[in-house]
């Protein structure tokens, strides 16, 4: 009877963990799946193009609107001043700052939605 119980116990016990994949290709696939590198790469590329899209929106649409709202400035994205033959493009800086704020706000909203939907 003890022998039968021992056989049942051995049959019910969990199988040992599978051996780590062998070979460079299998290790690479395991690395991609374990650390979710593919998702990170896609997020990086989408973020890059989102930044480009927002930069275009800011320099081509928002900055001229601000320039119209403030008479005498014209297109604020092209605003500069000169000191001792050195040109300071403060309009480009303001444009980059507005772009950063918009992209950061969009990233904040995406993270809030992902947390609400319990996506990690």
PDB file of N, CA and C in Angstrom:
ATOM      1  N   UNK A   1       0.806  -1.194   0.000  1.00  0.00           N
ATOM      2  CA  UNK A   1       0.000   0.000   0.000  1.00  0.00           C
ATOM      3  C   UNK A   1       0.850   1.259   0.000  1.00  0.00           C
ATOM      4  N   UNK A   2       1.938   1.274   0.766  1.00  0.00           N
ATOM      5  CA  UNK A   2       2.837   2.427   0.770  1.00  0.00           C
ATOM      6  C   UNK A   2       3.486   2.632  -0.600  1.00  0.00           C
ATOM      7  N   UNK A   3       3.766   1.521  -1.239  1.00  0.00           N
ATOM      8  CA  UNK A   3       4.352   1.625  -2.569  1.00  0.00           C
ATOM      9  C   UNK A   3       3.380   2.273  -3.539  1.00  0.00           C
ATOM     10  N   UNK A   4       2.087   1.920  -3.423  1.00  0.00           N
ATOM     11  CA  UNK A   4       1.062   2.513  -4.288  1.00  0.00           C
ATOM     12  C   UNK A   4       0.908   4.003  -4.001  1.00  0.00           C
ATOM     13  N   UNK A   5       0.906   4.391  -2.734  1.00  0.00           N
ATOM     14  CA  UNK A   5       0.813   5.803  -2.363  1.00  0.00           C
ATOM     15  C   UNK A   5       2.024   6.586  -2.882  1.00  0.00           C
ATOM     16  N   UNK A   6       3.181   5.972  -2.837  1.00  0.00           N
ATOM     17  CA  UNK A   6       4.391   6.620  -3.341  1.00  0.00           C
ATOM     18  C   UNK A   6       4.283   6.856  -4.844  1.00  0.00           C
ATOM     19  N   UNK A   7       3.727   5.890  -5.577  1.00  0.00           N
ATOM     20  CA  UNK A   7       3.536   6.049  -7.020  1.00  0.00           C
ATOM     21  C   UNK A   7       2.541   7.170  -7.319  1.00  0.00           C
ATOM     22  N   UNK A   8       1.470   7.222  -6.538  1.00  0.00           N
ATOM     23  CA  UNK A   8       0.467   8.285  -6.729  1.00  0.00           C
ATOM     24  C   UNK A   8       1.083   9.650  -6.429  1.00  0.00           C
ATOM     25  N   UNK A   9       1.862   9.743  -5.376  1.00  0.00           N
ATOM     26  CA  UNK A   9       2.515  10.997  -5.008  1.00  0.00           C
ATOM     27  C   UNK A   9       3.460  11.469  -6.103  1.00  0.00           C
ATOM     28  N   UNK A  10       4.245  10.552  -6.666  1.00  0.00           N
ATOM     29  CA  UNK A  10       5.168  10.899  -7.744  1.00  0.00           C
ATOM     30  C   UNK A  10       4.411  11.357  -8.986  1.00  0.00           C
ATOM     31  N   UNK A  11       3.265  10.757  -9.250  1.00  0.00           N
ATOM     32  CA  UNK A  11       2.479  11.131 -10.427  1.00  0.00           C
ATOM     33  C   UNK A  11       1.839  12.506 -10.260  1.00  0.00           C
ATOM     34  N   UNK A  12       1.486  12.862  -9.027  1.00  0.00           N
ATOM     35  CA  UNK A  12       0.789  14.122  -8.772  1.00  0.00           C
ATOM     36  C   UNK A  12       1.758  15.299  -8.648  1.00  0.00           C
ATOM     37  N   UNK A  13       2.980  15.036  -8.224  1.00  0.00           N
ATOM     38  CA  UNK A  13       3.946  16.121  -8.046  1.00  0.00           C
ATOM     39  C   UNK A  13       4.157  16.871  -9.354  1.00  0.00           C
ATOM     40  N   UNK A  14       4.456  18.164  -9.209  1.00  0.00           N
ATOM     41  CA  UNK A  14       4.674  19.004 -10.388  1.00  0.00           C
ATOM     42  C   UNK A  14       5.928  18.572 -11.129  1.00  0.00           C
ATOM     43  N   UNK A  15       5.846  18.765 -12.417  1.00  0.00           N
ATOM     44  CA  UNK A  15       7.010  18.457 -13.249  1.00  0.00           C
ATOM     45  C   UNK A  15       8.073  19.527 -13.001  1.00  0.00           C
ATOM     46  N   UNK A  16       9.321  19.172 -13.147  1.00  0.00           N
ATOM     47  CA  UNK A  16      10.376  20.174 -12.950  1.00  0.00           C
ATOM     48  C   UNK A  16      10.269  21.266 -14.014  1.00  0.00           C
ATOM     49  N   UNK A  17      10.785  22.441 -13.678  1.00  0.00           N
ATOM     50  CA  UNK A  17      10.758  23.562 -14.616  1.00  0.00           C
ATOM     51  C   UNK A  17      11.545  23.202 -15.862  1.00  0.00           C
ATOM     52  N   UNK A  18      11.079  23.663 -17.023  1.00  0.00           N
ATOM     53  CA  UNK A  18      11.815  23.339 -18.250  1.00  0.00           C
ATOM     54  C   UNK A  18      13.196  23.981 -18.243  1.00  0.00           C
ATOM     55  N   UNK A  19      14.087  23.325 -18.908  1.00  0.00           N
ATOM     56  CA  UNK A  19      15.457  23.833 -18.993  1.00  0.00           C
ATOM     57  C   UNK A  19      15.466  25.130 -19.788  1.00  0.00           C
ATOM     58  N   UNK A  20      16.370  26.037 -19.465  1.00  0.00           N
ATOM     59  CA  UNK A  20      16.445  27.277 -20.235  1.00  0.00           C
ATOM     60  C   UNK A  20      16.744  26.976 -21.703  1.00  0.00           C
ATOM     61  N   UNK A  21      16.234  27.808 -22.597  1.00  0.00           N
ATOM     62  CA  UNK A  21      16.441  27.534 -24.019  1.00  0.00           C
ATOM     63  C   UNK A  21      17.916  27.539 -24.386  1.00  0.00           C
ATOM     64  N   UNK A  22      18.235  26.669 -25.310  1.00  0.00           N
ATOM     65  CA  UNK A  22      19.621  26.567 -25.748  1.00  0.00           C
ATOM     66  C   UNK A  22      19.759  27.205 -27.115  1.00  0.00           C
ATOM     67  N   UNK A  23      20.884  27.782 -27.359  1.00  0.00           N
ATOM     68  CA  UNK A  23      21.150  28.420 -28.634  1.00  0.00           C
ATOM     69  C   UNK A  23      20.874  29.918 -28.569  1.00  0.00           C
ATOM     70  N   UNK A  24      21.617  30.646 -29.350  1.00  0.00           N
ATOM     71  CA  UNK A  24      21.530  32.102 -29.344  1.00  0.00           C
ATOM     72  C   UNK A  24      20.146  32.589 -29.762  1.00  0.00           C
ATOM     73  N   UNK A  25      19.564  32.002 -30.799  1.00  0.00           N
ATOM     74  CA  UNK A  25      18.256  32.446 -31.285  1.00  0.00           C
ATOM     75  C   UNK A  25      17.176  32.231 -30.227  1.00  0.00           C
ATOM     76  N   UNK A  26      17.178  31.064 -29.581  1.00  0.00           N
ATOM     77  CA  UNK A  26      16.188  30.785 -28.542  1.00  0.00           C
ATOM     78  C   UNK A  26      16.375  31.684 -27.328  1.00  0.00           C
ATOM     79  N   UNK A  27      17.623  31.943 -26.958  1.00  0.00           N
ATOM     80  CA  UNK A  27      17.892  32.854 -25.845  1.00  0.00           C
ATOM     81  C   UNK A  27      17.404  34.264 -26.186  1.00  0.00           C
ATOM     82  N   UNK A  28      17.590  34.676 -27.433  1.00  0.00           N
ATOM     83  CA  UNK A  28      17.142  36.000 -27.872  1.00  0.00           C
ATOM     84  C   UNK A  28      15.615  36.088 -27.812  1.00  0.00           C
ATOM     85  N   UNK A  29      14.912  35.060 -28.282  1.00  0.00           N
ATOM     86  CA  UNK A  29      13.450  35.060 -28.227  1.00  0.00           C
ATOM     87  C   UNK A  29      12.967  35.075 -26.769  1.00  0.00           C
ATOM     88  N   UNK A  30      13.643  34.337 -25.911  1.00  0.00           N
ATOM     89  CA  UNK A  30      13.296  34.339 -24.490  1.00  0.00           C
ATOM     90  C   UNK A  30      13.516  35.725 -23.883  1.00  0.00           C
ATOM     91  N   UNK A  31      14.604  36.363 -24.255  1.00  0.00           N
ATOM     92  CA  UNK A  31      14.903  37.721 -23.787  1.00  0.00           C
ATOM     93  C   UNK A  31      13.818  38.694 -24.218  1.00  0.00           C
ATOM     94  N   UNK A  32      13.396  38.605 -25.493  1.00  0.00           N
ATOM     95  CA  UNK A  32      12.355  39.502 -25.999  1.00  0.00           C
ATOM     96  C   UNK A  32      11.039  39.304 -25.253  1.00  0.00           C
ATOM     97  N   UNK A  33      10.672  38.065 -25.001  1.00  0.00           N
ATOM     98  CA  UNK A  33       9.395  37.815 -24.344  1.00  0.00           C
ATOM     99  C   UNK A  33       9.456  38.122 -22.850  1.00  0.00           C
ATOM    100  N   UNK A  34      10.570  37.837 -22.226  1.00  0.00           N
ATOM    101  CA  UNK A  34      10.688  38.043 -20.781  1.00  0.00           C
ATOM    102  C   UNK A  34      10.692  39.519 -20.420  1.00  0.00           C
ATOM    103  N   UNK A  35      11.404  40.325 -21.164  1.00  0.00           N
ATOM    104  CA  UNK A  35      11.545  41.744 -20.835  1.00  0.00           C
ATOM    105  C   UNK A  35      10.644  42.648 -21.681  1.00  0.00           C
ATOM    106  N   UNK A  36       9.802  42.068 -22.510  1.00  0.00           N
ATOM    107  CA  UNK A  36       8.841  42.810 -23.332  1.00  0.00           C
ATOM    108  C   UNK A  36       9.531  43.912 -24.143  1.00  0.00           C
ATOM    109  N   UNK A  37      10.650  43.580 -24.736  1.00  0.00           N
ATOM    110  CA  UNK A  37      11.448  44.531 -25.494  1.00  0.00           C
ATOM    111  C   UNK A  37      10.712  44.995 -26.739  1.00  0.00           C
ATOM    112  N   UNK A  38       9.993  44.115 -27.379  1.00  0.00           N
ATOM    113  CA  UNK A  38       9.282  44.489 -28.603  1.00  0.00           C
ATOM    114  C   UNK A  38       8.251  45.578 -28.314  1.00  0.00           C
ATOM    115  N   UNK A  39       7.505  45.432 -27.244  1.00  0.00           N
ATOM    116  CA  UNK A  39       6.534  46.451 -26.859  1.00  0.00           C
ATOM    117  C   UNK A  39       7.209  47.767 -26.537  1.00  0.00           C
ATOM    118  N   UNK A  40       8.354  47.697 -25.874  1.00  0.00           N
ATOM    119  CA  UNK A  40       9.105  48.904 -25.548  1.00  0.00           C
ATOM    120  C   UNK A  40       9.592  49.598 -26.812  1.00  0.00           C
ATOM    121  N   UNK A  41      10.060  48.829 -27.775  1.00  0.00           N
ATOM    122  CA  UNK A  41      10.542  49.407 -29.031  1.00  0.00           C
ATOM    123  C   UNK A  41       9.403  50.068 -29.793  1.00  0.00           C
ATOM    124  N   UNK A  42       8.254  49.424 -29.823  1.00  0.00           N
ATOM    125  CA  UNK A  42       7.103  50.006 -30.519  1.00  0.00           C
ATOM    126  C   UNK A  42       6.668  51.286 -29.817  1.00  0.00           C
ATOM    127  N   UNK A  43       6.638  51.274 -28.489  1.00  0.00           N
ATOM    128  CA  UNK A  43       6.267  52.477 -27.742  1.00  0.00           C
ATOM    129  C   UNK A  43       7.255  53.606 -28.007  1.00  0.00           C
ATOM    130  N   UNK A  44       8.540  53.279 -28.104  1.00  0.00           N
ATOM    131  CA  UNK A  44       9.552  54.304 -28.377  1.00  0.00           C
ATOM    132  C   UNK A  44       9.329  54.937 -29.748  1.00  0.00           C
ATOM    133  N   UNK A  45       9.111  54.105 -30.751  1.00  0.00           N
ATOM    134  CA  UNK A  45       8.914  54.621 -32.111  1.00  0.00           C
ATOM    135  C   UNK A  45       7.645  55.459 -32.182  1.00  0.00           C
ATOM    136  N   UNK A  46       6.561  54.982 -31.581  1.00  0.00           N
ATOM    137  CA  UNK A  46       5.321  55.757 -31.584  1.00  0.00           C
ATOM    138  C   UNK A  46       5.500  57.084 -30.838  1.00  0.00           C
ATOM    139  N   UNK A  47       6.217  57.049 -29.726  1.00  0.00           N
ATOM    140  CA  UNK A  47       6.485  58.279 -28.981  1.00  0.00           C
ATOM    141  C   UNK A  47       7.318  59.257 -29.791  1.00  0.00           C
ATOM    142  N   UNK A  48       8.276  58.743 -30.531  1.00  0.00           N
ATOM    143  CA  UNK A  48       9.114  59.588 -31.379  1.00  0.00           C
ATOM    144  C   UNK A  48       8.274  60.306 -32.427  1.00  0.00           C
ATOM    145  N   UNK A  49       7.407  59.552 -33.087  1.00  0.00           N
ATOM    146  CA  UNK A  49       6.576  60.166 -34.124  1.00  0.00           C
ATOM    147  C   UNK A  49       5.468  61.027 -33.533  1.00  0.00           C
ATOM    148  N   UNK A  50       5.005  60.706 -32.328  1.00  0.00           N
ATOM    149  CA  UNK A  50       4.054  61.580 -31.659  1.00  0.00           C
ATOM    150  C   UNK A  50       4.708  62.923 -31.377  1.00  0.00           C
ATOM    151  N   UNK A  51       5.949  62.904 -30.913  1.00  0.00           N
ATOM    152  CA  UNK A  51       6.676  64.151 -30.674  1.00  0.00           C
ATOM    153  C   UNK A  51       6.846  64.960 -31.948  1.00  0.00           C
ATOM    154  N   UNK A  52       7.144  64.295 -33.051  1.00  0.00           N
ATOM    155  CA  UNK A  52       7.281  64.983 -34.339  1.00  0.00           C
ATOM    156  C   UNK A  52       5.952  65.586 -34.772  1.00  0.00           C
ATOM    157  N   UNK A  53       4.883  64.837 -34.583  1.00  0.00           N
ATOM    158  CA  UNK A  53       3.558  65.332 -34.946  1.00  0.00           C
ATOM    159  C   UNK A  53       3.178  66.549 -34.103  1.00  0.00           C
ATOM    160  N   UNK A  54       3.409  66.476 -32.806  1.00  0.00           N
ATOM    161  CA  UNK A  54       3.082  67.602 -31.931  1.00  0.00           C
ATOM    162  C   UNK A  54       3.972  68.802 -32.258  1.00  0.00           C
ATOM    163  N   UNK A  55       5.241  68.565 -32.555  1.00  0.00           N
ATOM    164  CA  UNK A  55       6.143  69.670 -32.929  1.00  0.00           C
ATOM    165  C   UNK A  55       5.620  70.380 -34.171  1.00  0.00           C
ATOM    166  N   UNK A  56       5.174  69.620 -35.142  1.00  0.00           N
ATOM    167  CA  UNK A  56       4.608  70.208 -36.356  1.00  0.00           C
ATOM    168  C   UNK A  56       3.343  71.004 -36.033  1.00  0.00           C
ATOM    169  N   UNK A  57       2.498  70.455 -35.174  1.00  0.00           N
ATOM    170  CA  UNK A  57       1.277  71.155 -34.763  1.00  0.00           C
ATOM    171  C   UNK A  57       1.606  72.474 -34.073  1.00  0.00           C
ATOM    172  N   UNK A  58       2.583  72.439 -33.175  1.00  0.00           N
ATOM    173  CA  UNK A  58       2.932  73.646 -32.419  1.00  0.00           C
ATOM    174  C   UNK A  58       3.534  74.700 -33.328  1.00  0.00           C
ATOM    175  N   UNK A  59       4.540  74.331 -34.139  1.00  0.00           N
ATOM    176  CA  UNK A  59       5.205  75.336 -34.971  1.00  0.00           C
ATOM    177  C   UNK A  59       4.346  75.805 -36.135  1.00  0.00           C
ATOM    178  N   UNK A  60       3.484  74.934 -36.652  1.00  0.00           N
ATOM    179  CA  UNK A  60       2.700  75.310 -37.822  1.00  0.00           C
ATOM    180  C   UNK A  60       1.338  75.879 -37.519  1.00  0.00           C
ATOM    181  N   UNK A  61       0.819  75.669 -36.301  1.00  0.00           N
ATOM    182  CA  UNK A  61      -0.548  76.094 -36.021  1.00  0.00           C
ATOM    183  C   UNK A  61      -0.660  76.904 -34.730  1.00  0.00           C
ATOM    184  N   UNK A  62      -0.149  76.365 -33.625  1.00  0.00           N
ATOM    185  CA  UNK A  62      -0.326  77.031 -32.331  1.00  0.00           C
ATOM    186  C   UNK A  62       0.503  78.311 -32.231  1.00  0.00           C
ATOM    187  N   UNK A  63       1.767  78.262 -32.646  1.00  0.00           N
ATOM    188  CA  UNK A  63       2.615  79.457 -32.535  1.00  0.00           C
ATOM    189  C   UNK A  63       2.107  80.610 -33.415  1.00  0.00           C
ATOM    190  N   UNK A  64       1.674  80.359 -34.658  1.00  0.00           N
ATOM    191  CA  UNK A  64       1.089  81.474 -35.412  1.00  0.00           C
ATOM    192  C   UNK A  64      -0.184  82.026 -34.759  1.00  0.00           C
ATOM    193  N   UNK A  65      -0.977  81.148 -34.118  1.00  0.00           N
ATOM    194  CA  UNK A  65      -2.163  81.641 -33.414  1.00  0.00           C
ATOM    195  C   UNK A  65      -1.780  82.534 -32.240  1.00  0.00           C
ATOM    196  N   UNK A  66      -0.750  82.145 -31.514  1.00  0.00           N
ATOM    197  CA  UNK A  66      -0.266  82.988 -30.414  1.00  0.00           C
ATOM    198  C   UNK A  66       0.250  84.308 -30.970  1.00  0.00           C
ATOM    199  N   UNK A  67       0.957  84.233 -32.114  1.00  0.00           N
ATOM    200  CA  UNK A  67       1.443  85.459 -32.756  1.00  0.00           C
ATOM    201  C   UNK A  67       0.307  86.371 -33.186  1.00  0.00           C
ATOM    202  N   UNK A  68      -0.813  85.801 -33.635  1.00  0.00           N
ATOM    203  CA  UNK A  68      -1.979  86.609 -34.001  1.00  0.00           C
ATOM    204  C   UNK A  68      -2.637  87.217 -32.770  1.00  0.00           C
ATOM    205  N   UNK A  69      -2.648  86.462 -31.681  1.00  0.00           N
ATOM    206  CA  UNK A  69      -3.276  86.945 -30.452  1.00  0.00           C
ATOM    207  C   UNK A  69      -2.479  88.080 -29.824  1.00  0.00           C
ATOM    208  N   UNK A  70      -1.166  88.067 -30.011  1.00  0.00           N
ATOM    209  CA  UNK A  70      -0.307  89.123 -29.479  1.00  0.00           C
ATOM    210  C   UNK A  70       0.172  89.983 -30.651  1.00  0.00           C
ATOM    211  N   UNK A  71      -0.463  91.123 -30.893  1.00  0.00           N
ATOM    212  CA  UNK A  71      -0.137  91.929 -32.068  1.00  0.00           C
ATOM    213  C   UNK A  71       1.338  92.346 -32.101  1.00  0.00           C
ATOM    214  N   UNK A  72       1.880  92.341 -33.290  1.00  0.00           N
ATOM    215  CA  UNK A  72       3.255  92.790 -33.485  1.00  0.00           C
ATOM    216  C   UNK A  72       4.288  91.683 -33.424  1.00  0.00           C
ATOM    217  N   UNK A  73       3.908  90.480 -33.017  1.00  0.00           N
ATOM    218  CA  UNK A  73       4.883  89.392 -32.928  1.00  0.00           C
ATOM    219  C   UNK A  73       4.997  88.596 -34.217  1.00  0.00           C
ATOM    220  N   UNK A  74       3.957  88.554 -35.009  1.00  0.00           N
ATOM    221  CA  UNK A  74       3.980  87.723 -36.209  1.00  0.00           C
ATOM    222  C   UNK A  74       3.991  86.258 -35.812  1.00  0.00           C
ATOM    223  N   UNK A  75       4.808  85.451 -36.506  1.00  0.00           N
ATOM    224  CA  UNK A  75       4.928  84.034 -36.161  1.00  0.00           C
ATOM    225  C   UNK A  75       5.921  83.894 -35.020  1.00  0.00           C
ATOM    226  N   UNK A  76       5.427  83.564 -33.856  1.00  0.00           N
ATOM    227  CA  UNK A  76       6.255  83.509 -32.654  1.00  0.00           C
ATOM    228  C   UNK A  76       7.337  82.437 -32.746  1.00  0.00           C
ATOM    229  N   UNK A  77       7.124  81.384 -33.542  1.00  0.00           N
ATOM    230  CA  UNK A  77       8.126  80.314 -33.662  1.00  0.00           C
ATOM    231  C   UNK A  77       9.419  80.816 -34.294  1.00  0.00           C
ATOM    232  N   UNK A  78       9.325  81.874 -35.105  1.00  0.00           N
ATOM    233  CA  UNK A  78      10.509  82.418 -35.775  1.00  0.00           C
ATOM    234  C   UNK A  78      11.098  83.614 -35.039  1.00  0.00           C
ATOM    235  N   UNK A  79      10.613  83.917 -33.838  1.00  0.00           N
ATOM    236  CA  UNK A  79      11.050  85.100 -33.107  1.00  0.00           C
ATOM    237  C   UNK A  79      12.504  84.950 -32.655  1.00  0.00           C
ATOM    238  N   UNK A  80      13.290  86.000 -32.875  1.00  0.00           N
ATOM    239  CA  UNK A  80      14.699  86.019 -32.472  1.00  0.00           C
ATOM    240  C   UNK A  80      15.063  87.418 -31.999  1.00  0.00           C
ATOM    241  N   UNK A  81      16.176  87.504 -31.303  1.00  0.00           N
ATOM    242  CA  UNK A  81      16.782  88.805 -31.046  1.00  0.00           C
ATOM    243  C   UNK A  81      18.286  88.652 -31.146  1.00  0.00           C
ATOM    244  N   UNK A  82      18.957  89.782 -31.388  1.00  0.00           N
ATOM    245  CA  UNK A  82      20.394  89.744 -31.665  1.00  0.00           C
ATOM    246  C   UNK A  82      21.133  90.597 -30.652  1.00  0.00           C
ATOM    247  N   UNK A  83      22.244  90.044 -30.123  1.00  0.00           N
ATOM    248  CA  UNK A  83      23.117  90.758 -29.203  1.00  0.00           C
ATOM    249  C   UNK A  83      24.543  90.505 -29.661  1.00  0.00           C
ATOM    250  N   UNK A  84      25.268  91.564 -30.006  1.00  0.00           N
ATOM    251  CA  UNK A  84      26.667  91.449 -30.452  1.00  0.00           C
ATOM    252  C   UNK A  84      26.822  90.412 -31.561  1.00  0.00           C
ATOM    253  N   UNK A  85      26.006  90.494 -32.570  1.00  0.00           N
ATOM    254  CA  UNK A  85      26.022  89.604 -33.729  1.00  0.00           C
ATOM    255  C   UNK A  85      25.720  88.141 -33.374  1.00  0.00           C
ATOM    256  N   UNK A  86      25.162  87.887 -32.205  1.00  0.00           N
ATOM    257  CA  UNK A  86      24.734  86.545 -31.814  1.00  0.00           C
ATOM    258  C   UNK A  86      23.209  86.513 -31.831  1.00  0.00           C
ATOM    259  N   UNK A  87      22.666  85.544 -32.561  1.00  0.00           N
ATOM    260  CA  UNK A  87      21.213  85.455 -32.703  1.00  0.00           C
ATOM    261  C   UNK A  87      20.663  84.463 -31.685  1.00  0.00           C
ATOM    262  N   UNK A  88      19.685  84.907 -30.913  1.00  0.00           N
ATOM    263  CA  UNK A  88      19.012  84.070 -29.930  1.00  0.00           C
ATOM    264  C   UNK A  88      17.610  83.780 -30.445  1.00  0.00           C
ATOM    265  N   UNK A  89      17.335  82.505 -30.722  1.00  0.00           N
ATOM    266  CA  UNK A  89      16.044  82.098 -31.276  1.00  0.00           C
ATOM    267  C   UNK A  89      15.131  81.670 -30.129  1.00  0.00           C
ATOM    268  N   UNK A  90      14.604  82.639 -29.414  1.00  0.00           N
ATOM    269  CA  UNK A  90      13.747  82.304 -28.286  1.00  0.00           C
ATOM    270  C   UNK A  90      12.405  81.743 -28.747  1.00  0.00           C
ATOM    271  N   UNK A  91      12.002  82.039 -29.963  1.00  0.00           N
ATOM    272  CA  UNK A  91      10.763  81.470 -30.491  1.00  0.00           C
ATOM    273  C   UNK A  91      10.863  79.963 -30.637  1.00  0.00           C
ATOM    274  N   UNK A  92      12.020  79.475 -31.080  1.00  0.00           N
ATOM    275  CA  UNK A  92      12.226  78.028 -31.214  1.00  0.00           C
ATOM    276  C   UNK A  92      12.190  77.357 -29.843  1.00  0.00           C
ATOM    277  N   UNK A  93      12.748  78.031 -28.841  1.00  0.00           N
ATOM    278  CA  UNK A  93      12.718  77.490 -27.484  1.00  0.00           C
ATOM    279  C   UNK A  93      11.293  77.427 -26.955  1.00  0.00           C
ATOM    280  N   UNK A  94      10.536  78.490 -27.154  1.00  0.00           N
ATOM    281  CA  UNK A  94       9.138  78.502 -26.698  1.00  0.00           C
ATOM    282  C   UNK A  94       8.356  77.400 -27.407  1.00  0.00           C
ATOM    283  N   UNK A  95       8.617  77.222 -28.693  1.00  0.00           N
ATOM    284  CA  UNK A  95       7.957  76.168 -29.459  1.00  0.00           C
ATOM    285  C   UNK A  95       8.303  74.785 -28.892  1.00  0.00           C
ATOM    286  N   UNK A  96       9.570  74.550 -28.604  1.00  0.00           N
ATOM    287  CA  UNK A  96       9.997  73.265 -28.033  1.00  0.00           C
ATOM    288  C   UNK A  96       9.396  73.061 -26.649  1.00  0.00           C
ATOM    289  N   UNK A  97       9.290  74.129 -25.861  1.00  0.00           N
ATOM    290  CA  UNK A  97       8.706  74.035 -24.528  1.00  0.00           C
ATOM    291  C   UNK A  97       7.227  73.666 -24.600  1.00  0.00           C
ATOM    292  N   UNK A  98       6.490  74.304 -25.484  1.00  0.00           N
ATOM    293  CA  UNK A  98       5.073  73.992 -25.650  1.00  0.00           C
ATOM    294  C   UNK A  98       4.912  72.549 -26.143  1.00  0.00           C
ATOM    295  N   UNK A  99       5.767  72.130 -27.072  1.00  0.00           N
ATOM    296  CA  UNK A  99       5.725  70.753 -27.567  1.00  0.00           C
ATOM    297  C   UNK A  99       5.965  69.767 -26.433  1.00  0.00           C
ATOM    298  N   UNK A 100       6.957  70.034 -25.602  1.00  0.00           N
ATOM    299  CA  UNK A 100       7.258  69.154 -24.480  1.00  0.00           C
ATOM    300  C   UNK A 100       6.066  69.048 -23.533  1.00  0.00           C
ATOM    301  N   UNK A 101       5.449  70.177 -23.230  1.00  0.00           N
ATOM    302  CA  UNK A 101       4.306  70.172 -22.305  1.00  0.00           C
ATOM    303  C   UNK A 101       3.154  69.348 -22.879  1.00  0.00           C
ATOM    304  N   UNK A 102       2.884  69.497 -24.168  1.00  0.00           N
ATOM    305  CA  UNK A 102       1.798  68.740 -24.798  1.00  0.00           C
ATOM    306  C   UNK A 102       2.110  67.242 -24.803  1.00  0.00           C
ATOM    307  N   UNK A 103       3.325  66.858 -25.193  1.00  0.00           N
ATOM    308  CA  UNK A 103       3.696  65.434 -25.225  1.00  0.00           C
ATOM    309  C   UNK A 103       3.683  64.848 -23.809  1.00  0.00           C
ATOM    310  N   UNK A 104       4.180  65.586 -22.820  1.00  0.00           N
ATOM    311  CA  UNK A 104       4.164  65.104 -21.438  1.00  0.00           C
ATOM    312  C   UNK A 104       2.728  64.919 -20.951  1.00  0.00           C
ATOM    313  N   UNK A 105       1.841  65.837 -21.315  1.00  0.00           N
ATOM    314  CA  UNK A 105       0.442  65.720 -20.913  1.00  0.00           C
ATOM    315  C   UNK A 105      -0.207  64.501 -21.566  1.00  0.00           C
ATOM    316  N   UNK A 106       0.080  64.268 -22.837  1.00  0.00           N
ATOM    317  CA  UNK A 106      -0.466  63.096 -23.525  1.00  0.00           C
ATOM    318  C   UNK A 106       0.052  61.812 -22.874  1.00  0.00           C
ATOM    319  N   UNK A 107       1.344  61.766 -22.538  1.00  0.00           N
ATOM    320  CA  UNK A 107       1.903  60.584 -21.865  1.00  0.00           C
ATOM    321  C   UNK A 107       1.237  60.377 -20.510  1.00  0.00           C
ATOM    322  N   UNK A 108       0.985  61.458 -19.785  1.00  0.00           N
ATOM    323  CA  UNK A 108       0.305  61.388 -18.491  1.00  0.00           C
ATOM    324  C   UNK A 108      -1.092  60.791 -18.654  1.00  0.00           C
ATOM    325  N   UNK A 109      -1.832  61.254 -19.651  1.00  0.00           N
ATOM    326  CA  UNK A 109      -3.188  60.750 -19.895  1.00  0.00           C
ATOM    327  C   UNK A 109      -3.138  59.259 -20.263  1.00  0.00           C
ATOM    328  N   UNK A 110      -2.179  58.867 -21.105  1.00  0.00           N
ATOM    329  CA  UNK A 110      -2.060  57.458 -21.508  1.00  0.00           C
ATOM    330  C   UNK A 110      -1.777  56.578 -20.292  1.00  0.00           C
ATOM    331  N   UNK A 111      -0.896  57.016 -19.394  1.00  0.00           N
ATOM    332  CA  UNK A 111      -0.583  56.238 -18.190  1.00  0.00           C
ATOM    333  C   UNK A 111      -1.806  56.142 -17.283  1.00  0.00           C
ATOM    334  N   UNK A 112      -2.542  57.243 -17.132  1.00  0.00           N
ATOM    335  CA  UNK A 112      -3.750  57.215 -16.293  1.00  0.00           C
ATOM    336  C   UNK A 112      -4.779  56.242 -16.854  1.00  0.00           C
ATOM    337  N   UNK A 113      -4.978  56.251 -18.167  1.00  0.00           N
ATOM    338  CA  UNK A 113      -5.940  55.337 -18.788  1.00  0.00           C
ATOM    339  C   UNK A 113      -5.466  53.893 -18.634  1.00  0.00           C
ATOM    340  N   UNK A 114      -4.168  53.659 -18.829  1.00  0.00           N
ATOM    341  CA  UNK A 114      -3.622  52.302 -18.701  1.00  0.00           C
ATOM    342  C   UNK A 114      -3.807  51.784 -17.271  1.00  0.00           C
ATOM    343  N   UNK A 115      -3.595  52.638 -16.270  1.00  0.00           N
ATOM    344  CA  UNK A 115      -3.797  52.217 -14.881  1.00  0.00           C
ATOM    345  C   UNK A 115      -5.264  51.919 -14.620  1.00  0.00           C
ATOM    346  N   UNK A 116      -6.153  52.744 -15.187  1.00  0.00           N
ATOM    347  CA  UNK A 116      -7.585  52.540 -14.994  1.00  0.00           C
ATOM    348  C   UNK A 116      -8.031  51.215 -15.603  1.00  0.00           C
ATOM    349  N   UNK A 117      -7.452  50.864 -16.747  1.00  0.00           N
ATOM    350  CA  UNK A 117      -7.784  49.610 -17.415  1.00  0.00           C
ATOM    351  C   UNK A 117      -6.955  48.450 -16.893  1.00  0.00           C
ATOM    352  N   UNK A 118      -6.092  48.715 -15.901  1.00  0.00           N
ATOM    353  CA  UNK A 118      -5.226  47.704 -15.291  1.00  0.00           C
ATOM    354  C   UNK A 118      -4.273  47.061 -16.301  1.00  0.00           C
ATOM    355  N   UNK A 119      -3.679  47.915 -17.122  1.00  0.00           N
ATOM    356  CA  UNK A 119      -2.680  47.477 -18.099  1.00  0.00           C
ATOM    357  C   UNK A 119      -1.314  47.860 -17.546  1.00  0.00           C
ATOM    358  N   UNK A 120      -0.399  46.906 -17.556  1.00  0.00           N
ATOM    359  CA  UNK A 120       0.946  47.213 -17.070  1.00  0.00           C
ATOM    360  C   UNK A 120       1.972  47.048 -18.145  1.00  0.00           C
TER     361      UNK A 120
END
